[in-house]
PDB file of all heavy atoms in Angstrom:
ATOM      1  N   GLU A   1      18.265 -18.766  -6.279  1.00  0.00           N
ATOM      2  CA  GLU A   1      19.643 -18.731  -5.771  1.00  0.00           C
ATOM      3  C   GLU A   1      20.615 -18.325  -6.861  1.00  0.00           C
ATOM      4  O   GLU A   1      21.559 -17.556  -6.612  1.00  0.00           O
ATOM      5  CB  GLU A   1      20.023 -20.090  -5.193  1.00  0.00           C
ATOM      6  CG  GLU A   1      19.271 -20.455  -3.914  1.00  0.00           C
ATOM      7  CD  GLU A   1      19.726 -21.784  -3.340  1.00  0.00           C
ATOM      8  OE1 GLU A   1      20.587 -22.453  -3.962  1.00  0.00           O
ATOM      9  OE2 GLU A   1      19.211 -22.158  -2.277  1.00  0.00           O
ATOM     10  N   ALA A   2      20.413 -18.840  -8.064  1.00  0.00           N
ATOM     11  CA  ALA A   2      21.283 -18.467  -9.182  1.00  0.00           C
ATOM     12  C   ALA A   2      21.134 -16.985  -9.513  1.00  0.00           C
ATOM     13  O   ALA A   2      22.120 -16.302  -9.823  1.00  0.00           O
ATOM     14  CB  ALA A   2      20.965 -19.324 -10.406  1.00  0.00           C
ATOM     15  N   LYS A   3      19.900 -16.481  -9.452  1.00  0.00           N
ATOM     16  CA  LYS A   3      19.671 -15.060  -9.686  1.00  0.00           C
ATOM     17  C   LYS A   3      20.452 -14.216  -8.687  1.00  0.00           C
ATOM     18  O   LYS A   3      21.159 -13.265  -9.062  1.00  0.00           O
ATOM     19  CB  LYS A   3      18.183 -14.736  -9.556  1.00  0.00           C
ATOM     20  CG  LYS A   3      17.297 -15.177 -10.710  1.00  0.00           C
ATOM     21  CD  LYS A   3      15.843 -14.888 -10.397  1.00  0.00           C
ATOM     22  CE  LYS A   3      14.921 -15.233 -11.547  1.00  0.00           C
ATOM     23  NZ  LYS A   3      15.011 -14.258 -12.662  1.00  0.00           N
ATOM     24  N   ALA A   4      20.324 -14.546  -7.415  1.00  0.00           N
ATOM     25  CA  ALA A   4      20.991 -13.775  -6.368  1.00  0.00           C
ATOM     26  C   ALA A   4      22.502 -13.834  -6.523  1.00  0.00           C
ATOM     27  O   ALA A   4      23.199 -12.818  -6.349  1.00  0.00           O
ATOM     28  CB  ALA A   4      20.573 -14.296  -4.999  1.00  0.00           C
ATOM     29  N   MET A   5      23.024 -15.006  -6.844  1.00  0.00           N
ATOM     30  CA  MET A   5      24.465 -15.155  -7.029  1.00  0.00           C
ATOM     31  C   MET A   5      24.964 -14.250  -8.146  1.00  0.00           C
ATOM     32  O   MET A   5      25.970 -13.543  -7.999  1.00  0.00           O
ATOM     33  CB  MET A   5      24.795 -16.610  -7.348  1.00  0.00           C
ATOM     34  CG  MET A   5      26.279 -16.904  -7.620  1.00  0.00           C
ATOM     35  SD  MET A   5      26.800 -16.623  -9.355  1.00  0.00           S
ATOM     36  CE  MET A   5      25.820 -17.882 -10.203  1.00  0.00           C
ATOM     37  N   LEU A   6      24.246 -14.247  -9.271  1.00  0.00           N
ATOM     38  CA  LEU A   6      24.694 -13.450 -10.416  1.00  0.00           C
ATOM     39  C   LEU A   6      24.577 -11.962 -10.133  1.00  0.00           C
ATOM     40  O   LEU A   6      25.497 -11.193 -10.431  1.00  0.00           O
ATOM     41  CB  LEU A   6      23.885 -13.818 -11.656  1.00  0.00           C
ATOM     42  CG  LEU A   6      24.383 -13.185 -12.956  1.00  0.00           C
ATOM     43  CD1 LEU A   6      25.766 -13.699 -13.315  1.00  0.00           C
ATOM     44  CD2 LEU A   6      23.413 -13.451 -14.092  1.00  0.00           C
ATOM     45  N   VAL A   7      23.464 -11.536  -9.566  1.00  0.00           N
ATOM     46  CA  VAL A   7      23.274 -10.120  -9.262  1.00  0.00           C
ATOM     47  C   VAL A   7      24.359  -9.625  -8.323  1.00  0.00           C
ATOM     48  O   VAL A   7      25.026  -8.610  -8.583  1.00  0.00           O
ATOM     49  CB  VAL A   7      21.880  -9.880  -8.643  1.00  0.00           C
ATOM     50  CG1 VAL A   7      21.785  -8.469  -8.075  1.00  0.00           C
ATOM     51  CG2 VAL A   7      20.787 -10.098  -9.686  1.00  0.00           C
ATOM     52  N   ASN A   8      24.563 -10.335  -7.228  1.00  0.00           N
ATOM     53  CA  ASN A   8      25.584  -9.916  -6.259  1.00  0.00           C
ATOM     54  C   ASN A   8      26.975  -9.937  -6.868  1.00  0.00           C
ATOM     55  O   ASN A   8      27.776  -9.015  -6.652  1.00  0.00           O
ATOM     56  CB  ASN A   8      25.534 -10.822  -5.029  1.00  0.00           C
ATOM     57  CG  ASN A   8      24.260 -10.645  -4.228  1.00  0.00           C
ATOM     58  OD1 ASN A   8      23.640  -9.584  -4.271  1.00  0.00           O
ATOM     59  ND2 ASN A   8      23.855 -11.673  -3.507  1.00  0.00           N
ATOM     60  N   GLY A   9      27.256 -10.964  -7.640  1.00  0.00           N
ATOM     61  CA  GLY A   9      28.582 -11.091  -8.234  1.00  0.00           C
ATOM     62  C   GLY A   9      28.900  -9.994  -9.226  1.00  0.00           C
ATOM     63  O   GLY A   9      29.985  -9.396  -9.189  1.00  0.00           O
ATOM     64  N   VAL A  10      27.962  -9.716 -10.120  1.00  0.00           N
ATOM     65  CA  VAL A  10      28.192  -8.672 -11.129  1.00  0.00           C
ATOM     66  C   VAL A  10      28.364  -7.313 -10.465  1.00  0.00           C
ATOM     67  O   VAL A  10      29.284  -6.549 -10.793  1.00  0.00           O
ATOM     68  CB  VAL A  10      27.044  -8.637 -12.155  1.00  0.00           C
ATOM     69  CG1 VAL A  10      27.148  -7.393 -13.036  1.00  0.00           C
ATOM     70  CG2 VAL A  10      27.059  -9.894 -13.012  1.00  0.00           C
ATOM     71  N   LEU A  11      27.497  -6.991  -9.524  1.00  0.00           N
ATOM     72  CA  LEU A  11      27.554  -5.681  -8.882  1.00  0.00           C
ATOM     73  C   LEU A  11      28.815  -5.513  -8.046  1.00  0.00           C
ATOM     74  O   LEU A  11      29.355  -4.405  -7.941  1.00  0.00           O
ATOM     75  CB  LEU A  11      26.314  -5.467  -8.018  1.00  0.00           C
ATOM     76  CG  LEU A  11      24.984  -5.385  -8.778  1.00  0.00           C
ATOM     77  CD1 LEU A  11      23.823  -5.215  -7.807  1.00  0.00           C
ATOM     78  CD2 LEU A  11      25.001  -4.256  -9.799  1.00  0.00           C
ATOM     79  N   GLU A  12      29.314  -6.594  -7.472  1.00  0.00           N
ATOM     80  CA  GLU A  12      30.477  -6.506  -6.604  1.00  0.00           C
ATOM     81  C   GLU A  12      31.806  -6.629  -7.355  1.00  0.00           C
ATOM     82  O   GLU A  12      32.792  -5.988  -6.979  1.00  0.00           O
ATOM     83  CB  GLU A  12      30.411  -7.603  -5.532  1.00  0.00           C
ATOM     84  CG  GLU A  12      29.289  -7.396  -4.518  1.00  0.00           C
ATOM     85  CD  GLU A  12      29.133  -8.586  -3.585  1.00  0.00           C
ATOM     86  OE1 GLU A  12      29.942  -9.548  -3.695  1.00  0.00           O
ATOM     87  OE2 GLU A  12      28.204  -8.569  -2.754  1.00  0.00           O
ATOM     88  N   GLN A  13      31.832  -7.428  -8.428  1.00  0.00           N
ATOM     89  CA  GLN A  13      33.113  -7.764  -9.041  1.00  0.00           C
ATOM     90  C   GLN A  13      33.295  -7.248 -10.468  1.00  0.00           C
ATOM     91  O   GLN A  13      34.409  -7.309 -11.000  1.00  0.00           O
ATOM     92  CB  GLN A  13      33.310  -9.281  -9.019  1.00  0.00           C
ATOM     93  CG  GLN A  13      33.353  -9.868  -7.610  1.00  0.00           C
ATOM     94  CD  GLN A  13      33.716 -11.332  -7.600  1.00  0.00           C
ATOM     95  OE1 GLN A  13      34.571 -11.790  -8.375  1.00  0.00           O
ATOM     96  NE2 GLN A  13      33.077 -12.111  -6.749  1.00  0.00           N
ATOM     97  N   LEU A  14      32.240  -6.762 -11.103  1.00  0.00           N
ATOM     98  CA  LEU A  14      32.358  -6.233 -12.465  1.00  0.00           C
ATOM     99  C   LEU A  14      31.884  -4.781 -12.469  1.00  0.00           C
ATOM    100  O   LEU A  14      30.773  -4.467 -12.904  1.00  0.00           O
ATOM    101  CB  LEU A  14      31.541  -7.083 -13.441  1.00  0.00           C
ATOM    102  CG  LEU A  14      31.940  -8.563 -13.542  1.00  0.00           C
ATOM    103  CD1 LEU A  14      30.979  -9.319 -14.445  1.00  0.00           C
ATOM    104  CD2 LEU A  14      33.371  -8.713 -14.044  1.00  0.00           C
ATOM    105  N   PRO A  15      32.718  -3.876 -12.002  1.00  0.00           N
ATOM    106  CA  PRO A  15      32.290  -2.494 -11.744  1.00  0.00           C
ATOM    107  C   PRO A  15      31.909  -1.685 -12.971  1.00  0.00           C
ATOM    108  O   PRO A  15      31.246  -0.650 -12.838  1.00  0.00           O
ATOM    109  CB  PRO A  15      33.511  -1.887 -11.046  1.00  0.00           C
ATOM    110  CG  PRO A  15      34.659  -2.715 -11.498  1.00  0.00           C
ATOM    111  CD  PRO A  15      34.129  -4.106 -11.636  1.00  0.00           C
ATOM    112  N   ASP A  16      32.297  -2.115 -14.157  1.00  0.00           N
ATOM    113  CA  ASP A  16      31.969  -1.361 -15.363  1.00  0.00           C
ATOM    114  C   ASP A  16      30.784  -1.948 -16.117  1.00  0.00           C
ATOM    115  O   ASP A  16      30.433  -1.462 -17.202  1.00  0.00           O
ATOM    116  CB  ASP A  16      33.184  -1.315 -16.298  1.00  0.00           C
ATOM    117  CG  ASP A  16      34.365  -0.590 -15.674  1.00  0.00           C
ATOM    118  OD1 ASP A  16      34.123   0.406 -14.967  1.00  0.00           O
ATOM    119  OD2 ASP A  16      35.512  -1.029 -15.885  1.00  0.00           O
ATOM    120  N   CYS A  17      30.179  -2.976 -15.559  1.00  0.00           N
ATOM    121  CA  CYS A  17      29.134  -3.719 -16.259  1.00  0.00           C
ATOM    122  C   CYS A  17      27.750  -3.363 -15.718  1.00  0.00           C
ATOM    123  O   CYS A  17      27.549  -3.263 -14.508  1.00  0.00           O
ATOM    124  CB  CYS A  17      29.395  -5.219 -16.088  1.00  0.00           C
ATOM    125  SG  CYS A  17      28.285  -6.262 -17.038  1.00  0.00           S
ATOM    126  N   TYR A  18      26.802  -3.161 -16.615  1.00  0.00           N
ATOM    127  CA  TYR A  18      25.409  -2.982 -16.230  1.00  0.00           C
ATOM    128  C   TYR A  18      24.740  -4.355 -16.120  1.00  0.00           C
ATOM    129  O   TYR A  18      25.103  -5.300 -16.833  1.00  0.00           O
ATOM    130  CB  TYR A  18      24.650  -2.154 -17.259  1.00  0.00           C
ATOM    131  CG  TYR A  18      24.905  -0.674 -17.162  1.00  0.00           C
ATOM    132  CD1 TYR A  18      26.036  -0.097 -17.747  1.00  0.00           C
ATOM    133  CD2 TYR A  18      24.014   0.157 -16.489  1.00  0.00           C
ATOM    134  CE1 TYR A  18      26.269   1.268 -17.665  1.00  0.00           C
ATOM    135  CE2 TYR A  18      24.238   1.528 -16.405  1.00  0.00           C
ATOM    136  CZ  TYR A  18      25.372   2.069 -16.991  1.00  0.00           C
ATOM    137  OH  TYR A  18      25.601   3.417 -16.904  1.00  0.00           O
ATOM    138  N   LEU A  19      23.724  -4.443 -15.262  1.00  0.00           N
ATOM    139  CA  LEU A  19      22.987  -5.693 -15.065  1.00  0.00           C
ATOM    140  C   LEU A  19      21.497  -5.420 -15.234  1.00  0.00           C
ATOM    141  O   LEU A  19      20.944  -4.502 -14.617  1.00  0.00           O
ATOM    142  CB  LEU A  19      23.261  -6.249 -13.669  1.00  0.00           C
ATOM    143  CG  LEU A  19      22.468  -7.498 -13.274  1.00  0.00           C
ATOM    144  CD1 LEU A  19      22.916  -8.689 -14.102  1.00  0.00           C
ATOM    145  CD2 LEU A  19      22.652  -7.790 -11.791  1.00  0.00           C
ATOM    146  N   VAL A  20      20.848  -6.237 -16.068  1.00  0.00           N
ATOM    147  CA  VAL A  20      19.408  -6.148 -16.271  1.00  0.00           C
ATOM    148  C   VAL A  20      18.820  -7.503 -15.873  1.00  0.00           C
ATOM    149  O   VAL A  20      19.023  -8.506 -16.561  1.00  0.00           O
ATOM    150  CB  VAL A  20      19.056  -5.812 -17.731  1.00  0.00           C
ATOM    151  CG1 VAL A  20      17.539  -5.693 -17.893  1.00  0.00           C
ATOM    152  CG2 VAL A  20      19.740  -4.516 -18.162  1.00  0.00           C
ATOM    153  N   ALA A  21      18.097  -7.532 -14.765  1.00  0.00           N
ATOM    154  CA  ALA A  21      17.571  -8.777 -14.213  1.00  0.00           C
ATOM    155  C   ALA A  21      16.052  -8.812 -14.300  1.00  0.00           C
ATOM    156  O   ALA A  21      15.411  -7.820 -14.668  1.00  0.00           O
ATOM    157  CB  ALA A  21      18.029  -8.942 -12.759  1.00  0.00           C
ATOM    158  N   ALA A  22      15.473  -9.966 -13.931  1.00  0.00           N
ATOM    159  CA  ALA A  22      14.024 -10.139 -14.002  1.00  0.00           C
ATOM    160  C   ALA A  22      13.496 -10.752 -12.718  1.00  0.00           C
ATOM    161  O   ALA A  22      14.166 -11.576 -12.090  1.00  0.00           O
ATOM    162  CB  ALA A  22      13.650 -11.029 -15.188  1.00  0.00           C
ATOM    163  N   SER A  23      12.286 -10.340 -12.347  1.00  0.00           N
ATOM    164  CA  SER A  23      11.627 -10.915 -11.182  1.00  0.00           C
ATOM    165  C   SER A  23      10.121 -10.759 -11.312  1.00  0.00           C
ATOM    166  O   SER A  23       9.604  -9.642 -11.304  1.00  0.00           O
ATOM    167  CB  SER A  23      12.102 -10.221  -9.895  1.00  0.00           C
ATOM    168  OG  SER A  23      11.415 -10.728  -8.767  1.00  0.00           O
ATOM    169  N   GLY A  24       9.400 -11.879 -11.469  1.00  0.00           N
ATOM    170  CA  GLY A  24       7.946 -11.854 -11.478  1.00  0.00           C
ATOM    171  C   GLY A  24       7.339 -11.705 -12.852  1.00  0.00           C
ATOM    172  O   GLY A  24       7.316 -10.593 -13.398  1.00  0.00           O
ATOM    173  N   MET A  25       6.863 -12.826 -13.412  1.00  0.00           N
ATOM    174  CA  MET A  25       6.177 -12.771 -14.710  1.00  0.00           C
ATOM    175  C   MET A  25       5.211 -13.936 -14.850  1.00  0.00           C
ATOM    176  O   MET A  25       4.695 -14.204 -15.927  1.00  0.00           O
ATOM    177  CB  MET A  25       7.195 -12.805 -15.857  1.00  0.00           C
ATOM    178  CG  MET A  25       7.929 -14.135 -15.967  1.00  0.00           C
ATOM    179  SD  MET A  25       9.626 -14.011 -16.514  1.00  0.00           S
ATOM    180  CE  MET A  25      10.407 -13.322 -15.052  1.00  0.00           C
ATOM    181  N   ALA A  26       4.957 -14.652 -13.760  1.00  0.00           N
ATOM    182  CA  ALA A  26       4.135 -15.852 -13.807  1.00  0.00           C
ATOM    183  C   ALA A  26       2.651 -15.528 -13.770  1.00  0.00           C
ATOM    184  O   ALA A  26       2.241 -14.423 -13.414  1.00  0.00           O
ATOM    185  CB  ALA A  26       4.495 -16.770 -12.632  1.00  0.00           C
ATOM    186  N   GLY A  27       1.846 -16.529 -14.144  1.00  0.00           N
ATOM    187  CA  GLY A  27       0.409 -16.446 -13.958  1.00  0.00           C
ATOM    188  C   GLY A  27      -0.345 -15.703 -15.035  1.00  0.00           C
ATOM    189  O   GLY A  27       0.180 -15.382 -16.094  1.00  0.00           O
ATOM    190  N   MET A  28      -1.613 -15.405 -14.724  1.00  0.00           N
ATOM    191  CA  MET A  28      -2.542 -14.792 -15.671  1.00  0.00           C
ATOM    192  C   MET A  28      -2.927 -13.369 -15.278  1.00  0.00           C
ATOM    193  O   MET A  28      -3.947 -12.837 -15.723  1.00  0.00           O
ATOM    194  CB  MET A  28      -3.809 -15.653 -15.770  1.00  0.00           C
ATOM    195  CG  MET A  28      -3.586 -17.009 -16.403  1.00  0.00           C
ATOM    196  SD  MET A  28      -3.131 -16.908 -18.145  1.00  0.00           S
ATOM    197  CE  MET A  28      -4.648 -16.267 -18.840  1.00  0.00           C
ATOM    198  N   ASP A  29      -2.133 -12.733 -14.445  1.00  0.00           N
ATOM    199  CA  ASP A  29      -2.426 -11.359 -14.045  1.00  0.00           C
ATOM    200  C   ASP A  29      -2.323 -10.433 -15.253  1.00  0.00           C
ATOM    201  O   ASP A  29      -1.762 -10.793 -16.294  1.00  0.00           O
ATOM    202  CB  ASP A  29      -1.453 -10.927 -12.949  1.00  0.00           C
ATOM    203  CG  ASP A  29      -1.936  -9.689 -12.189  1.00  0.00           C
ATOM    204  OD1 ASP A  29      -3.063  -9.227 -12.468  1.00  0.00           O
ATOM    205  OD2 ASP A  29      -1.196  -9.200 -11.324  1.00  0.00           O
ATOM    206  N   THR A  30      -2.835  -9.228 -15.108  1.00  0.00           N
ATOM    207  CA  THR A  30      -2.778  -8.259 -16.199  1.00  0.00           C
ATOM    208  C   THR A  30      -1.333  -8.020 -16.646  1.00  0.00           C
ATOM    209  O   THR A  30      -0.423  -7.954 -15.816  1.00  0.00           O
ATOM    210  CB  THR A  30      -3.394  -6.917 -15.761  1.00  0.00           C
ATOM    211  OG1 THR A  30      -3.139  -5.938 -16.781  1.00  0.00           O
ATOM    212  CG2 THR A  30      -2.807  -6.419 -14.462  1.00  0.00           C
ATOM    213  N   PRO A  31      -1.118  -7.868 -17.932  1.00  0.00           N
ATOM    214  CA  PRO A  31       0.230  -7.571 -18.420  1.00  0.00           C
ATOM    215  C   PRO A  31       0.734  -6.205 -17.985  1.00  0.00           C
ATOM    216  O   PRO A  31       1.931  -5.939 -18.043  1.00  0.00           O
ATOM    217  CB  PRO A  31       0.093  -7.661 -19.940  1.00  0.00           C
ATOM    218  CG  PRO A  31      -1.353  -7.391 -20.205  1.00  0.00           C
ATOM    219  CD  PRO A  31      -2.086  -8.002 -19.046  1.00  0.00           C
ATOM    220  N   ASN A  32      -0.165  -5.351 -17.543  1.00  0.00           N
ATOM    221  CA  ASN A  32       0.211  -3.981 -17.192  1.00  0.00           C
ATOM    222  C   ASN A  32       1.024  -3.879 -15.911  1.00  0.00           C
ATOM    223  O   ASN A  32       1.503  -2.792 -15.572  1.00  0.00           O
ATOM    224  CB  ASN A  32      -1.048  -3.117 -17.083  1.00  0.00           C
ATOM    225  CG  ASN A  32      -1.789  -3.014 -18.394  1.00  0.00           C
ATOM    226  OD1 ASN A  32      -1.177  -2.969 -19.457  1.00  0.00           O
ATOM    227  ND2 ASN A  32      -3.112  -3.005 -18.332  1.00  0.00           N
ATOM    228  N   THR A  33       1.170  -4.986 -15.187  1.00  0.00           N
ATOM    229  CA  THR A  33       1.998  -4.960 -13.983  1.00  0.00           C
ATOM    230  C   THR A  33       3.473  -5.222 -14.285  1.00  0.00           C
ATOM    231  O   THR A  33       4.319  -5.050 -13.407  1.00  0.00           O
ATOM    232  CB  THR A  33       1.502  -5.999 -12.952  1.00  0.00           C
ATOM    233  OG1 THR A  33       1.510  -7.295 -13.566  1.00  0.00           O
ATOM    234  CG2 THR A  33       0.107  -5.668 -12.473  1.00  0.00           C
ATOM    235  N   ILE A  34       3.781  -5.643 -15.501  1.00  0.00           N
ATOM    236  CA  ILE A  34       5.182  -5.825 -15.892  1.00  0.00           C
ATOM    237  C   ILE A  34       5.790  -4.447 -16.109  1.00  0.00           C
ATOM    238  O   ILE A  34       5.260  -3.638 -16.876  1.00  0.00           O
ATOM    239  CB  ILE A  34       5.309  -6.667 -17.180  1.00  0.00           C
ATOM    240  CG1 ILE A  34       4.638  -8.033 -17.015  1.00  0.00           C
ATOM    241  CG2 ILE A  34       6.768  -6.815 -17.578  1.00  0.00           C
ATOM    242  CD1 ILE A  34       5.321  -8.970 -16.078  1.00  0.00           C
ATOM    243  N   LYS A  35       6.901  -4.175 -15.442  1.00  0.00           N
ATOM    244  CA  LYS A  35       7.513  -2.844 -15.521  1.00  0.00           C
ATOM    245  C   LYS A  35       9.033  -2.963 -15.404  1.00  0.00           C
ATOM    246  O   LYS A  35       9.568  -4.031 -15.130  1.00  0.00           O
ATOM    247  CB  LYS A  35       6.972  -1.956 -14.404  1.00  0.00           C
ATOM    248  CG  LYS A  35       7.269  -2.481 -13.003  1.00  0.00           C
ATOM    249  CD  LYS A  35       6.606  -1.620 -11.944  1.00  0.00           C
ATOM    250  CE  LYS A  35       6.965  -2.089 -10.530  1.00  0.00           C
ATOM    251  NZ  LYS A  35       6.507  -3.455 -10.221  1.00  0.00           N
ATOM    252  N   THR A  36       9.697  -1.853 -15.595  1.00  0.00           N
ATOM    253  CA  THR A  36      11.153  -1.768 -15.424  1.00  0.00           C
ATOM    254  C   THR A  36      11.455  -0.737 -14.351  1.00  0.00           C
ATOM    255  O   THR A  36      10.902   0.369 -14.375  1.00  0.00           O
ATOM    256  CB  THR A  36      11.838  -1.346 -16.738  1.00  0.00           C
ATOM    257  OG1 THR A  36      11.592  -2.342 -17.733  1.00  0.00           O
ATOM    258  CG2 THR A  36      13.345  -1.203 -16.536  1.00  0.00           C
ATOM    259  N   ARG A  37      12.339  -1.119 -13.431  1.00  0.00           N
ATOM    260  CA  ARG A  37      12.707  -0.212 -12.347  1.00  0.00           C
ATOM    261  C   ARG A  37      14.225  -0.181 -12.206  1.00  0.00           C
ATOM    262  O   ARG A  37      14.880  -1.216 -12.241  1.00  0.00           O
ATOM    263  CB  ARG A  37      12.071  -0.675 -11.033  1.00  0.00           C
ATOM    264  CG  ARG A  37      12.226   0.288  -9.880  1.00  0.00           C
ATOM    265  CD  ARG A  37      11.212  -0.025  -8.788  1.00  0.00           C
ATOM    266  NE  ARG A  37      11.406  -1.328  -8.179  1.00  0.00           N
ATOM    267  CZ  ARG A  37      12.102  -1.546  -7.057  1.00  0.00           C
ATOM    268  NH1 ARG A  37      12.684  -0.521  -6.437  1.00  0.00           N
ATOM    269  NH2 ARG A  37      12.215  -2.752  -6.553  1.00  0.00           N
ATOM    270  N   ARG A  38      14.765   1.014 -12.068  1.00  0.00           N
ATOM    271  CA  ARG A  38      16.205   1.166 -11.849  1.00  0.00           C
ATOM    272  C   ARG A  38      16.464   1.079 -10.345  1.00  0.00           C
ATOM    273  O   ARG A  38      16.069   1.957  -9.582  1.00  0.00           O
ATOM    274  CB  ARG A  38      16.695   2.504 -12.399  1.00  0.00           C
ATOM    275  CG  ARG A  38      18.217   2.628 -12.425  1.00  0.00           C
ATOM    276  CD  ARG A  38      18.626   3.980 -12.997  1.00  0.00           C
ATOM    277  NE  ARG A  38      20.057   4.053 -13.229  1.00  0.00           N
ATOM    278  CZ  ARG A  38      20.682   5.134 -13.676  1.00  0.00           C
ATOM    279  NH1 ARG A  38      19.991   6.243 -13.921  1.00  0.00           N
ATOM    280  NH2 ARG A  38      21.992   5.129 -13.870  1.00  0.00           N
ATOM    281  N   ILE A  39      17.131   0.006  -9.935  1.00  0.00           N
ATOM    282  CA  ILE A  39      17.375  -0.239  -8.518  1.00  0.00           C
ATOM    283  C   ILE A  39      18.543   0.602  -8.020  1.00  0.00           C
ATOM    284  O   ILE A  39      18.513   1.189  -6.937  1.00  0.00           O
ATOM    285  CB  ILE A  39      17.668  -1.726  -8.258  1.00  0.00           C
ATOM    286  CG1 ILE A  39      16.544  -2.605  -8.831  1.00  0.00           C
ATOM    287  CG2 ILE A  39      17.864  -1.997  -6.772  1.00  0.00           C
ATOM    288  CD1 ILE A  39      15.198  -2.366  -8.206  1.00  0.00           C
ATOM    289  N   MET A  40      19.599   0.637  -8.811  1.00  0.00           N
ATOM    290  CA  MET A  40      20.752   1.480  -8.536  1.00  0.00           C
ATOM    291  C   MET A  40      21.406   1.805  -9.868  1.00  0.00           C
ATOM    292  O   MET A  40      20.897   1.397 -10.914  1.00  0.00           O
ATOM    293  CB  MET A  40      21.735   0.802  -7.572  1.00  0.00           C
ATOM    294  CG  MET A  40      22.241  -0.551  -8.013  1.00  0.00           C
ATOM    295  SD  MET A  40      23.329  -1.363  -6.787  1.00  0.00           S
ATOM    296  CE  MET A  40      22.163  -1.684  -5.467  1.00  0.00           C
ATOM    297  N   LYS A  41      22.499   2.519  -9.846  1.00  0.00           N
ATOM    298  CA  LYS A  41      23.080   3.067 -11.080  1.00  0.00           C
ATOM    299  C   LYS A  41      23.269   2.020 -12.173  1.00  0.00           C
ATOM    300  O   LYS A  41      22.938   2.264 -13.338  1.00  0.00           O
ATOM    301  CB  LYS A  41      24.421   3.741 -10.776  1.00  0.00           C
ATOM    302  CG  LYS A  41      25.053   4.385 -12.005  1.00  0.00           C
ATOM    303  CD  LYS A  41      26.357   5.080 -11.650  1.00  0.00           C
ATOM    304  CE  LYS A  41      26.981   5.707 -12.902  1.00  0.00           C
ATOM    305  NZ  LYS A  41      28.259   6.393 -12.604  1.00  0.00           N
ATOM    306  N   ARG A  42      23.784   0.851 -11.823  1.00  0.00           N
ATOM    307  CA  ARG A  42      24.086  -0.164 -12.834  1.00  0.00           C
ATOM    308  C   ARG A  42      23.137  -1.350 -12.803  1.00  0.00           C
ATOM    309  O   ARG A  42      23.387  -2.346 -13.469  1.00  0.00           O
ATOM    310  CB  ARG A  42      25.527  -0.669 -12.641  1.00  0.00           C
ATOM    311  CG  ARG A  42      26.608   0.369 -12.843  1.00  0.00           C
ATOM    312  CD  ARG A  42      27.996  -0.249 -12.763  1.00  0.00           C
ATOM    313  NE  ARG A  42      28.321  -0.725 -11.424  1.00  0.00           N
ATOM    314  CZ  ARG A  42      28.519  -2.015 -11.113  1.00  0.00           C
ATOM    315  NH1 ARG A  42      28.410  -2.955 -12.030  1.00  0.00           N
ATOM    316  NH2 ARG A  42      28.831  -2.354  -9.869  1.00  0.00           N
ATOM    317  N   PHE A  43      22.046  -1.259 -12.055  1.00  0.00           N
ATOM    318  CA  PHE A  43      21.179  -2.412 -11.854  1.00  0.00           C
ATOM    319  C   PHE A  43      19.718  -2.067 -12.146  1.00  0.00           C
ATOM    320  O   PHE A  43      19.143  -1.188 -11.512  1.00  0.00           O
ATOM    321  CB  PHE A  43      21.337  -2.907 -10.406  1.00  0.00           C
ATOM    322  CG  PHE A  43      20.484  -4.092 -10.038  1.00  0.00           C
ATOM    323  CD1 PHE A  43      20.083  -5.024 -10.980  1.00  0.00           C
ATOM    324  CD2 PHE A  43      20.086  -4.274  -8.718  1.00  0.00           C
ATOM    325  CE1 PHE A  43      19.299  -6.107 -10.631  1.00  0.00           C
ATOM    326  CE2 PHE A  43      19.314  -5.355  -8.349  1.00  0.00           C
ATOM    327  CZ  PHE A  43      18.909  -6.276  -9.308  1.00  0.00           C
ATOM    328  N   TYR A  44      19.141  -2.779 -13.113  1.00  0.00           N
ATOM    329  CA  TYR A  44      17.743  -2.624 -13.489  1.00  0.00           C
ATOM    330  C   TYR A  44      16.997  -3.937 -13.250  1.00  0.00           C
ATOM    331  O   TYR A  44      17.551  -5.021 -13.460  1.00  0.00           O
ATOM    332  CB  TYR A  44      17.626  -2.263 -14.975  1.00  0.00           C
ATOM    333  CG  TYR A  44      18.129  -0.891 -15.327  1.00  0.00           C
ATOM    334  CD1 TYR A  44      19.496  -0.607 -15.375  1.00  0.00           C
ATOM    335  CD2 TYR A  44      17.238   0.133 -15.636  1.00  0.00           C
ATOM    336  CE1 TYR A  44      19.954   0.655 -15.702  1.00  0.00           C
ATOM    337  CE2 TYR A  44      17.691   1.395 -15.970  1.00  0.00           C
ATOM    338  CZ  TYR A  44      19.047   1.655 -16.005  1.00  0.00           C
ATOM    339  OH  TYR A  44      19.502   2.905 -16.327  1.00  0.00           O
ATOM    340  N   LEU A  45      15.734  -3.824 -12.851  1.00  0.00           N
ATOM    341  CA  LEU A  45      14.920  -5.001 -12.585  1.00  0.00           C
ATOM    342  C   LEU A  45      13.613  -4.898 -13.375  1.00  0.00           C
ATOM    343  O   LEU A  45      12.909  -3.890 -13.300  1.00  0.00           O
ATOM    344  CB  LEU A  45      14.616  -5.115 -11.089  1.00  0.00           C
ATOM    345  CG  LEU A  45      13.932  -6.401 -10.623  1.00  0.00           C
ATOM    346  CD1 LEU A  45      14.815  -7.609 -10.888  1.00  0.00           C
ATOM    347  CD2 LEU A  45      13.592  -6.307  -9.134  1.00  0.00           C
ATOM    348  N   CYS A  46      13.297  -5.969 -14.114  1.00  0.00           N
ATOM    349  CA  CYS A  46      12.096  -6.006 -14.940  1.00  0.00           C
ATOM    350  C   CYS A  46      11.155  -7.113 -14.448  1.00  0.00           C
ATOM    351  O   CYS A  46      11.601  -8.183 -14.055  1.00  0.00           O
ATOM    352  CB  CYS A  46      12.460  -6.274 -16.403  1.00  0.00           C
ATOM    353  SG  CYS A  46      13.637  -5.097 -17.112  1.00  0.00           S
TER     354      CYS A  46
END
């Protein structure tokens, strides 16, 4: 919930700010699944 609040807030109310967020890093899966993706112009997800 805190993640969603911050992502939505920054993208909606801070138009000059870039946001770099994270989703998914738990467990013992291969490290090769960790990646970076550009969701939109100012929003990246790792």
